[in-house]
Amino acid sequence: MDIEIARKIVCAHDEKKLSEVAKAVDVLYQAFGTYQSITREMGKSDKFWIIRHRIFQLPAGILWKVDEGHIGIEQAYQITRLKQEEDQWVLAIAIVEAKGLTGKECRKVVNLVLKGGKSIMDSLRVLVGIRFDKIQPLLLPLGTDVWIAICKIAWAQRQRWEDLCYQLVLQGIGVDIQEVASQLERLALDLRQASRN
């Protein structure tokens, strides 16, 4: 992307995906060197540029959820404030799965992690009552770490985690559904004949 395309994208930022705008901001930042220079050249505020540039640095899977509208711009910005990528994933998953976690609540959680020295899991539990160990994403006894890993892989592929699990289960068992149906049909015929005899 060149500077002119980046300018056009930013000028139409309300009509573009946030990840596209964030990428355009990165191009402008590389060209101008500082947020103040971009502000002088293009207008808006330094905060506008900072927020979008930081969002550009999020993992692709989280950006996908932002573009899909599951994570808002304020929530995404709060995710960027977390230093550890694993913490970013945990907060993003909490936002998507707990539905209703506001930007303000996210800010409180992040502040508790950064200033209070609490873990992201403890912060979510203490401030907003989210307990990952109580969320049963599947009817399997999966640990939180496994579920987070599944979400990371799925989102990076632009999939819902449920769809990825379904695909993996089908691959793992190597089942040909048509063959199973044929076998069941043959078994039913054999049972009918055996019951007649």
Protein backbone atom coordinates (compact mmCIF):
# COMPACT_ATOMS: atom_id res chain seq x y z
CA MET A 1 0.00 0.00 0.00
CA ASP A 2 1.40 3.40 -0.91
CA ILE A 3 0.86 6.73 0.87
CA GLU A 4 -1.88 7.93 -1.48
CA ILE A 5 -3.95 4.78 -1.02
CA ALA A 6 -3.37 5.01 2.74
CA ARG A 7 -4.64 8.61 2.72
CA LYS A 8 -7.78 7.60 0.81
CA ILE A 9 -8.49 4.74 3.20
CA VAL A 10 -8.08 6.96 6.26
CA CYS A 11 -10.29 9.66 4.72
CA ALA A 12 -13.04 7.05 4.29
CA HIS A 13 -12.31 5.32 7.63
CA ASP A 14 -15.98 5.08 8.62
CA GLU A 15 -16.67 2.94 5.55
CA LYS A 16 -13.62 0.66 5.87
CA LYS A 17 -12.74 -2.29 8.05
CA LEU A 18 -10.75 -1.23 11.09
CA SER A 19 -7.87 -3.54 10.15
CA GLU A 20 -7.61 -1.84 6.76
CA VAL A 21 -7.60 1.60 8.37
CA ALA A 22 -5.02 0.42 10.91
CA LYS A 23 -2.77 -0.84 8.12
CA ALA A 24 -3.12 2.52 6.33
CA VAL A 25 -2.15 4.31 9.55
CA ASP A 26 0.95 2.11 9.77
CA VAL A 27 1.91 3.13 6.22
CA LEU A 28 1.46 6.79 7.13
CA TYR A 29 3.43 6.34 10.35
CA GLN A 30 6.30 4.77 8.41
CA ALA A 31 6.22 7.70 5.97
CA PHE A 32 5.87 10.58 8.44
CA GLY A 33 7.70 9.15 11.46
CA THR A 34 5.50 10.56 14.26
CA TYR A 35 1.83 10.85 15.10
CA GLN A 36 2.19 14.63 15.39
CA SER A 37 3.50 14.78 11.80
CA ILE A 38 0.54 12.75 10.56
CA THR A 39 -1.84 15.03 12.49
CA ARG A 40 -0.25 18.13 10.94
CA GLU A 41 -0.46 16.62 7.48
CA MET A 42 -3.88 14.93 7.65
CA GLY A 43 -5.77 16.43 10.57
CA LYS A 44 -7.64 14.44 13.23
CA SER A 45 -5.91 13.98 16.59
CA ASP A 46 -2.79 12.20 17.77
CA LYS A 47 -5.07 9.85 19.74
CA PHE A 48 -6.89 8.85 16.52
CA TRP A 49 -3.58 7.76 14.98
CA ILE A 50 -2.18 6.13 18.11
CA ILE A 51 -5.24 3.96 18.75
CA ARG A 52 -5.44 2.68 15.19
CA HIS A 53 -1.71 2.11 14.91
CA ARG A 54 -1.70 0.05 18.09
CA ILE A 55 -4.68 -1.96 16.85
CA PHE A 56 -2.68 -2.73 13.68
CA GLN A 57 -0.19 -4.60 15.88
CA LEU A 58 -2.77 -7.06 17.26
CA PRO A 59 -2.61 -10.71 16.17
CA ALA A 60 -4.46 -11.38 12.91
CA GLY A 61 -7.10 -13.55 14.59
CA ILE A 62 -8.06 -10.80 17.00
CA LEU A 63 -8.15 -8.28 14.14
CA TRP A 64 -10.56 -10.59 12.34
CA LYS A 65 -12.93 -10.48 15.33
CA VAL A 66 -12.61 -6.68 15.33
CA ASP A 67 -13.52 -6.55 11.63
CA GLU A 68 -16.44 -8.91 12.22
CA GLY A 69 -17.82 -6.47 14.81
CA HIS A 70 -17.40 -8.78 17.82
CA ILE A 71 -14.78 -6.50 19.38
CA GLY A 72 -15.27 -2.72 19.32
CA ILE A 73 -12.55 -0.13 18.81
CA GLU A 74 -12.35 0.82 22.51
CA GLN A 75 -12.20 -2.83 23.53
CA ALA A 76 -9.52 -3.48 20.87
CA TYR A 77 -7.48 -0.54 22.14
CA GLN A 78 -7.64 -1.92 25.68
CA ILE A 79 -6.43 -5.29 24.39
CA THR A 80 -3.40 -3.54 22.85
CA ARG A 81 -2.39 -2.15 26.23
CA LEU A 82 -1.64 -5.66 27.51
CA LYS A 83 2.04 -6.52 27.12
CA GLN A 84 1.69 -10.30 26.82
CA GLU A 85 0.12 -11.67 23.64
CA GLU A 86 -1.42 -14.52 25.64
CA ASP A 87 -3.17 -11.94 27.85
CA GLN A 88 -4.41 -10.18 24.72
CA TRP A 89 -5.95 -13.42 23.51
CA VAL A 90 -7.58 -14.11 26.86
CA LEU A 91 -9.20 -10.66 26.97
CA ALA A 92 -10.32 -10.91 23.33
CA ILE A 93 -11.90 -14.30 23.97
CA ALA A 94 -13.58 -12.97 27.10
CA ILE A 95 -15.03 -10.06 25.11
CA VAL A 96 -16.38 -12.32 22.37
CA GLU A 97 -17.63 -15.18 24.53
CA ALA A 98 -18.93 -13.18 27.50
CA LYS A 99 -20.76 -10.76 25.18
CA GLY A 100 -21.41 -7.47 26.82
CA LEU A 101 -17.96 -6.78 28.25
CA THR A 102 -17.76 -3.02 27.70
CA GLY A 103 -14.75 -0.87 26.85
CA LYS A 104 -14.91 0.61 30.34
CA GLU A 105 -14.85 -2.84 31.94
CA CYS A 106 -11.96 -3.82 29.67
CA ARG A 107 -10.04 -0.73 30.80
CA LYS A 108 -10.56 -1.66 34.46
CA VAL A 109 -9.38 -5.22 33.81
CA VAL A 110 -6.29 -4.03 31.93
CA ASN A 111 -5.48 -1.46 34.61
CA LEU A 112 -5.65 -4.15 37.28
CA VAL A 113 -3.24 -6.29 35.25
CA LEU A 114 -0.82 -3.43 34.52
CA LYS A 115 -0.97 -1.51 37.80
CA GLY A 116 -2.26 -4.07 40.26
CA GLY A 117 0.01 -6.90 39.22
CA LYS A 118 -2.89 -9.36 38.90
CA SER A 119 -3.11 -12.01 36.20
CA ILE A 120 -5.58 -11.46 33.39
CA MET A 121 -7.67 -14.40 34.62
CA ASP A 122 -7.82 -13.02 38.17
CA SER A 123 -8.63 -9.54 36.88
CA LEU A 124 -11.51 -10.82 34.76
CA ARG A 125 -12.87 -12.85 37.65
CA VAL A 126 -12.54 -10.06 40.25
CA LEU A 127 -13.83 -7.13 38.19
CA VAL A 128 -16.42 -8.61 35.86
CA GLY A 129 -17.10 -12.06 37.26
CA ILE A 130 -15.82 -14.02 34.27
CA ARG A 131 -14.50 -17.41 35.24
CA PHE A 132 -13.12 -19.36 32.33
CA ASP A 133 -13.25 -22.55 34.33
CA LYS A 134 -17.04 -22.14 34.55
CA ILE A 135 -17.52 -21.58 30.80
CA GLN A 136 -18.15 -24.92 29.12
CA PRO A 137 -17.36 -24.23 25.46
CA LEU A 138 -17.69 -27.88 24.55
CA LEU A 139 -19.19 -30.83 26.30
CA LEU A 140 -15.66 -32.07 26.82
CA PRO A 141 -13.49 -31.59 29.89
CA LEU A 142 -11.10 -29.15 28.19
CA GLY A 143 -8.92 -26.86 30.22
CA THR A 144 -8.95 -23.13 29.66
CA ASP A 145 -5.52 -23.29 28.05
CA VAL A 146 -6.78 -25.77 25.42
CA TRP A 147 -9.86 -23.66 24.67
CA ILE A 148 -7.75 -20.52 24.28
CA ALA A 149 -5.39 -22.42 21.93
CA ILE A 150 -8.40 -23.57 19.88
CA CYS A 151 -9.72 -19.99 19.62
CA LYS A 152 -6.30 -18.70 18.55
CA ILE A 153 -6.00 -21.25 15.75
CA ALA A 154 -9.59 -20.80 14.59
CA TRP A 155 -9.58 -17.01 14.58
CA ALA A 156 -6.23 -16.90 12.76
CA GLN A 157 -7.97 -18.93 10.03
CA ARG A 158 -11.00 -16.62 10.17
CA GLN A 159 -13.23 -19.33 11.58
CA ARG A 160 -15.46 -19.69 14.56
CA TRP A 161 -13.89 -22.02 17.11
CA GLU A 162 -16.94 -24.28 16.93
CA ASP A 163 -16.42 -24.81 13.19
CA LEU A 164 -12.74 -25.63 13.66
CA CYS A 165 -13.59 -28.19 16.36
CA TYR A 166 -16.13 -29.83 14.09
CA GLN A 167 -13.57 -30.06 11.26
CA LEU A 168 -10.91 -31.44 13.57
CA VAL A 169 -13.25 -34.05 15.00
CA LEU A 170 -14.22 -35.21 11.53
CA GLN A 171 -10.55 -35.33 10.47
CA GLY A 172 -9.51 -37.05 13.66
CA ILE A 173 -11.99 -39.85 13.40
CA GLY A 174 -11.60 -40.13 9.63
CA VAL A 175 -15.27 -40.91 9.21
CA ASP A 176 -16.87 -41.20 5.81
CA ILE A 177 -20.47 -40.33 6.65
CA GLN A 178 -21.83 -42.04 3.50
CA GLU A 179 -20.01 -45.27 4.35
CA VAL A 180 -21.32 -45.23 7.93
CA ALA A 181 -24.87 -44.70 6.63
CA SER A 182 -24.45 -47.63 4.21
CA GLN A 183 -23.14 -49.87 6.98
CA LEU A 184 -26.05 -48.94 9.26
CA GLU A 185 -28.49 -49.64 6.47
CA ARG A 186 -26.95 -53.10 5.85
CA LEU A 187 -27.00 -53.82 9.58
CA ALA A 188 -30.69 -52.86 9.79
CA LEU A 189 -31.51 -55.19 6.88
CA ASP A 190 -29.56 -58.04 8.52
CA LEU A 191 -31.40 -57.48 11.81
CA ARG A 192 -34.78 -57.48 10.07
CA GLN A 193 -33.98 -60.73 8.29
CA ALA A 194 -32.69 -62.32 11.48
CA SER A 195 -35.86 -61.34 13.35
CA ARG A 196 -38.05 -62.94 10.62
CA ASN A 197 -36.24 -66.23 10.88
